[in-house]
Protein backbone atom coordinates (compact mmCIF):
# COMPACT_ATOMS: atom_id res chain seq x y z
CA MET A 1 2.78 2.65 -14.79
CA THR A 2 5.75 0.24 -15.64
CA PHE A 3 4.53 -2.99 -13.90
CA CYS A 4 3.83 -5.94 -16.04
CA HIS A 5 2.56 -9.40 -15.47
CA ASP A 6 0.87 -11.42 -17.88
CA GLY A 7 1.25 -8.52 -20.30
CA VAL A 8 -0.99 -6.20 -18.67
CA THR A 9 0.06 -2.87 -17.27
CA GLY A 10 -0.40 -0.89 -14.18
CA ALA A 11 -2.23 1.23 -16.25
CA GLU A 12 -4.87 -1.18 -17.89
CA LEU A 13 -5.92 -2.31 -13.67
CA ALA A 14 -7.07 1.16 -12.95
CA SER A 15 -10.35 1.56 -14.09
CA PRO A 16 -11.83 4.16 -11.92
CA LEU A 17 -13.07 3.13 -7.99
CA VAL A 18 -15.67 5.04 -6.17
CA SER A 19 -12.75 6.51 -3.96
CA GLU A 20 -9.57 7.44 -5.09
CA ILE A 21 -6.09 9.17 -3.27
CA VAL A 22 -2.60 10.42 -4.51
CA LEU A 23 -0.17 11.33 -2.15
CA ALA A 24 3.41 11.53 -2.93
CA SER A 25 6.52 12.12 -0.64
CA GLU A 26 10.02 13.73 -1.40
CA LEU A 27 12.49 11.32 1.04
CA ASP A 28 15.34 11.95 1.90
CA ALA A 29 16.75 8.76 1.36
CA PRO A 30 17.80 6.14 -1.91
CA ALA A 31 15.60 4.94 -3.36
CA ALA A 32 16.85 1.02 -2.28
CA GLU A 33 16.57 1.84 1.53
CA VAL A 34 12.63 2.96 1.08
CA TRP A 35 12.49 -0.02 -1.20
CA ALA A 36 14.16 -2.20 1.73
CA HIS A 37 11.65 -0.82 4.25
CA ALA A 38 8.51 -0.96 2.49
CA SER A 39 8.27 -4.02 0.50
CA THR A 40 8.19 -6.16 3.90
CA MET A 41 4.98 -6.14 6.62
CA ASP A 42 7.38 -4.58 8.86
CA GLY A 43 8.04 -1.82 7.03
CA VAL A 44 4.31 -1.67 6.35
CA ASN A 45 3.18 -2.24 9.73
CA LEU A 46 6.31 0.59 10.90
CA GLU A 47 3.89 2.94 8.14
CA LEU A 48 0.42 1.94 10.05
CA MET A 49 0.90 2.24 13.13
CA PRO A 50 -0.75 3.45 15.57
CA LEU A 51 -3.65 3.45 14.13
CA VAL A 52 -3.45 0.62 12.29
CA ARG A 53 -1.62 -3.10 12.42
CA MET A 54 -1.89 -5.84 10.01
CA HIS A 55 -2.04 -9.16 11.25
CA VAL A 56 0.58 -11.45 9.49
CA PRO A 57 0.01 -14.79 9.24
CA ARG A 58 3.30 -17.34 10.13
CA GLN A 59 3.53 -18.71 6.66
CA ALA A 60 4.31 -14.62 5.53
CA ARG A 61 6.16 -13.84 8.04
CA GLY A 62 9.93 -12.87 7.58
CA LYS A 63 9.01 -12.94 3.87
CA GLY A 64 9.49 -10.12 1.76
CA ILE A 65 7.27 -8.87 -1.25
CA ALA A 66 9.30 -10.46 -3.84
CA ASP A 67 8.74 -13.87 -2.62
CA ALA A 68 4.34 -13.23 -3.00
CA PRO A 69 2.55 -14.79 -5.47
CA LEU A 70 1.04 -12.60 -8.79
CA GLY A 71 -2.27 -12.35 -9.34
CA GLU A 72 -3.55 -14.64 -6.88
CA VAL A 73 -3.76 -14.38 -2.78
CA ALA A 74 -0.71 -14.30 -0.94
CA PHE A 75 -2.94 -14.50 2.55
CA HIS A 76 -5.66 -12.99 4.43
CA SER A 77 -5.32 -10.59 7.15
CA TRP A 78 -6.57 -9.61 10.00
CA LEU A 79 -6.56 -5.05 10.24
CA LEU A 80 -6.66 -4.32 13.69
CA ALA A 81 -7.32 -0.51 14.62
CA PHE A 82 -4.99 0.76 17.26
CA GLY A 83 -2.97 -2.64 17.12
CA VAL A 84 -5.51 -4.29 18.78
CA VAL A 85 -9.50 -4.28 17.59
CA PRO A 86 -10.22 -5.99 14.60
CA PHE A 87 -12.35 -4.41 12.29
CA ASP A 88 -11.82 -6.37 8.50
CA ARG A 89 -10.15 -8.97 6.63
CA HIS A 90 -7.88 -8.23 4.17
CA ALA A 91 -7.10 -10.65 1.21
CA LEU A 92 -3.65 -9.93 -0.13
CA ARG A 93 -3.29 -10.02 -3.64
CA LEU A 94 -0.71 -8.25 -5.44
CA VAL A 95 -0.86 -8.13 -9.21
CA ALA A 96 2.77 -6.48 -10.84
CA ILE A 97 6.57 -6.71 -8.53
CA ASP A 98 8.32 -4.27 -9.92
CA ASP A 99 12.09 -4.96 -8.06
CA GLY A 100 13.36 -1.94 -6.59
CA ARG A 101 10.75 0.41 -7.91
CA GLY A 102 7.23 -0.25 -6.84
CA PHE A 103 4.22 -2.94 -6.93
CA ALA A 104 0.71 -2.81 -7.48
CA GLU A 105 -2.11 -4.83 -5.40
CA GLU A 106 -5.06 -5.03 -6.21
CA SER A 107 -6.98 -6.58 -2.88
CA SER A 108 -10.00 -7.13 -1.17
CA SER A 109 -11.74 -7.56 2.14
CA LEU A 110 -15.07 -8.10 4.16
CA LEU A 111 -15.63 -4.02 4.26
CA GLN A 112 -14.01 -3.14 0.53
CA ARG A 113 -15.00 -5.36 -2.70
CA VAL A 114 -11.74 -3.55 -4.35
CA TRP A 115 -8.92 -2.42 -2.46
CA ARG A 116 -5.94 -1.11 -5.01
CA HIS A 117 -2.65 -0.17 -4.46
CA GLU A 118 -0.22 1.49 -6.24
CA ARG A 119 3.47 2.65 -4.94
CA THR A 120 5.94 3.68 -6.58
CA ILE A 121 9.38 5.11 -5.61
CA ALA A 122 11.67 6.81 -8.05
CA PRO A 123 15.45 7.66 -7.22
CA ARG A 124 15.90 11.63 -7.55
CA ASP A 125 18.88 13.92 -6.58
CA GLY A 126 19.39 12.92 -2.60
CA GLY A 127 17.10 10.76 -2.13
CA CYS A 128 13.64 9.14 -3.60
CA VAL A 129 9.75 10.46 -4.31
CA VAL A 130 7.48 7.92 -2.85
CA SER A 131 4.08 7.75 -4.82
CA ASP A 132 0.91 6.26 -3.43
CA ARG A 133 -2.25 5.80 -5.85
CA VAL A 134 -4.80 4.46 -3.23
CA GLY A 135 -8.72 3.46 -4.86
CA VAL A 136 -11.08 1.25 -2.86
CA GLU A 137 -14.90 0.35 -3.96
CA PRO A 138 -16.96 -0.34 -0.73
CA ARG A 139 -18.90 -2.66 -0.37
CA LEU A 140 -21.90 -0.76 1.06
CA ALA A 141 -22.20 2.39 -0.92
CA LEU A 142 -23.27 4.35 1.42
CA ALA A 143 -20.34 3.97 3.13
CA GLU A 144 -17.99 5.59 0.48
CA PRO A 145 -17.65 8.85 2.36
CA PHE A 146 -15.92 6.49 5.21
CA ALA A 147 -14.10 5.09 3.41
CA ALA A 148 -12.61 8.11 1.05
CA ALA A 149 -11.89 9.64 4.28
CA MET A 150 -10.66 6.87 6.33
CA VAL A 151 -8.28 6.08 3.37
CA ARG A 152 -6.98 9.65 2.95
CA ALA A 153 -6.16 10.00 6.82
CA ILE A 154 -4.32 6.71 7.11
CA PHE A 155 -2.08 7.30 3.61
CA ARG A 156 -1.27 10.82 4.81
CA HIS A 157 -0.42 9.28 8.46
CA ARG A 158 2.07 6.50 6.34
CA HIS A 159 3.49 9.38 4.86
CA ARG A 160 4.22 11.62 8.02
CA ARG A 161 5.60 8.59 9.09
CA LEU A 162 7.81 7.84 5.80
CA GLN A 163 9.18 11.38 6.30
CA ARG A 164 9.58 11.22 10.05
CA ARG A 165 11.62 7.77 9.31
CA PHE A 166 13.85 9.03 6.48
CA GLY A 167 13.19 12.40 6.00
CA GLY A 168 11.22 14.45 3.54
CA ARG A 169 8.09 16.57 2.97
CA PHE A 170 5.04 16.24 0.95
CA VAL A 171 5.17 17.35 -2.82
CA GLY A 172 2.96 17.74 -5.12
């Protein structure tokens, strides 16, 4: 990964976690259009719903990823199952942003000691490729199989939502 914050690249941040998945989709839309969607909380929630919705606090509404401070918690968000039932509290912390091409997040929550999400958006003929690398370390070791299954299901859902919105298919 080419992201850099305070001299630390995404690759250096990416120590192995208990559960990690990688998903990629070829989308039939320009990278700039997909970035405009993916770099806002409205876009994130469009990908997550109807399974999950991230509550966006007032101070973060209407802002994009470029407005978030790097290396510190940007905001706390309730994660709501099916958009209504709170099940976790997420402390969103971005560690790198490559405007138009991706970001690296290393957050935590009540359930996850570490939540690491790296998204890249790379141009290709006829569209772009969106890749997500997600790793989690649950606070309770016994929760690891459940956490791994949930992360995989949620990100497969997110990619299906992206494919429906922009046209596309899974790759890799």
